[in-house]
């Protein structure tokens, strides 16, 4: 179910923080293209398969990994003894 979740602006920004772009714009972490606006990057991701890219798949898998990591972290916190 998590792999079908839509990619949000927040997800794109979180991924972009790993590799800042030297010029103004937002870099697609999958195909490395740079877009002038965050909205244009989101549109690119949504329609990437029409352009011959698999960026949407990349971001979906990345989001699924983040959700899995977050869930595991919460489970570890819950299992840890309280002081």
Protein backbone atom coordinates (compact mmCIF):
# COMPACT_ATOMS: atom_id res chain seq x y z
CA UNK A 1 0.00 0.00 0.00
CA UNK A 2 2.88 2.37 0.81
CA UNK A 3 4.37 1.96 -2.65
CA UNK A 4 1.17 3.38 -4.19
CA UNK A 5 1.24 6.52 -2.03
CA UNK A 6 1.43 9.75 -3.97
CA UNK A 7 4.65 11.72 -3.95
CA UNK A 8 4.20 15.01 -2.13
CA UNK A 9 6.09 18.27 -2.34
CA UNK A 10 7.48 17.47 1.12
CA UNK A 11 8.90 14.17 -0.19
CA UNK A 12 10.59 15.92 -3.11
CA UNK A 13 12.09 18.58 -0.85
CA UNK A 14 13.38 15.96 1.59
CA UNK A 15 15.11 14.06 -1.22
CA UNK A 16 16.51 17.28 -2.70
CA UNK A 17 18.21 18.23 0.57
CA UNK A 18 20.66 15.35 0.11
CA UNK A 19 22.12 16.87 -3.07
CA UNK A 20 21.78 20.64 -3.24
CA UNK A 21 21.85 22.12 -6.73
CA UNK A 22 24.46 24.87 -7.25
CA UNK A 23 22.20 26.94 -9.49
CA UNK A 24 18.64 28.02 -8.80
CA UNK A 25 16.22 25.18 -9.21
CA UNK A 26 15.28 21.73 -8.02
CA UNK A 27 17.05 18.57 -9.10
CA UNK A 28 15.22 15.35 -9.82
CA UNK A 29 17.10 12.78 -7.76
CA UNK A 30 16.31 10.06 -10.29
CA UNK A 31 17.31 11.51 -13.67
CA UNK A 32 19.36 14.51 -12.39
CA UNK A 33 17.46 17.05 -14.51
CA UNK A 34 17.11 20.51 -12.94
CA UNK A 35 13.77 22.31 -12.91
CA UNK A 36 13.24 26.02 -12.20
CA UNK A 37 10.26 25.51 -9.90
CA UNK A 38 9.26 22.83 -7.42
CA UNK A 39 5.90 22.52 -9.14
CA UNK A 40 7.57 21.79 -12.51
CA UNK A 41 9.63 19.04 -10.84
CA UNK A 42 6.47 17.49 -9.39
CA UNK A 43 4.79 17.54 -12.82
CA UNK A 44 7.91 15.93 -14.31
CA UNK A 45 7.81 13.14 -11.72
CA UNK A 46 4.10 12.50 -12.30
CA UNK A 47 4.56 12.26 -16.08
CA UNK A 48 8.10 10.88 -16.24
CA UNK A 49 7.06 7.62 -17.89
CA UNK A 50 5.71 9.58 -20.87
CA UNK A 51 9.17 11.13 -21.24
CA UNK A 52 10.95 7.77 -21.02
CA UNK A 53 12.09 8.12 -17.40
CA UNK A 54 11.25 6.07 -14.31
CA UNK A 55 11.44 8.95 -11.83
CA UNK A 56 7.98 8.24 -10.40
CA UNK A 57 9.04 4.69 -9.56
CA UNK A 58 12.22 6.00 -7.91
CA UNK A 59 10.36 8.46 -5.69
CA UNK A 60 7.69 5.90 -4.77
CA UNK A 61 10.35 3.40 -3.69
CA UNK A 62 12.22 6.10 -1.79
CA UNK A 63 9.04 7.09 0.04
CA UNK A 64 8.28 3.43 0.85
CA UNK A 65 11.78 3.06 2.33
CA UNK A 66 11.33 6.20 4.44
CA UNK A 67 7.97 4.96 5.72
CA UNK A 68 9.46 1.57 6.58
CA UNK A 69 12.37 3.22 8.39
CA UNK A 70 10.00 5.52 10.28
CA UNK A 71 7.79 2.58 11.31
CA UNK A 72 10.80 0.56 12.51
CA UNK A 73 12.08 3.55 14.47
CA UNK A 74 8.69 3.98 16.18
CA UNK A 75 8.60 0.26 17.02
CA UNK A 76 12.08 0.45 18.55
CA UNK A 77 11.05 3.46 20.63
CA UNK A 78 7.95 1.63 21.85
CA UNK A 79 9.97 -1.46 22.79
CA UNK A 80 12.67 0.50 24.64
CA UNK A 81 12.35 0.51 28.44
CA UNK A 82 11.19 3.79 29.92
CA UNK A 83 13.40 5.51 32.51
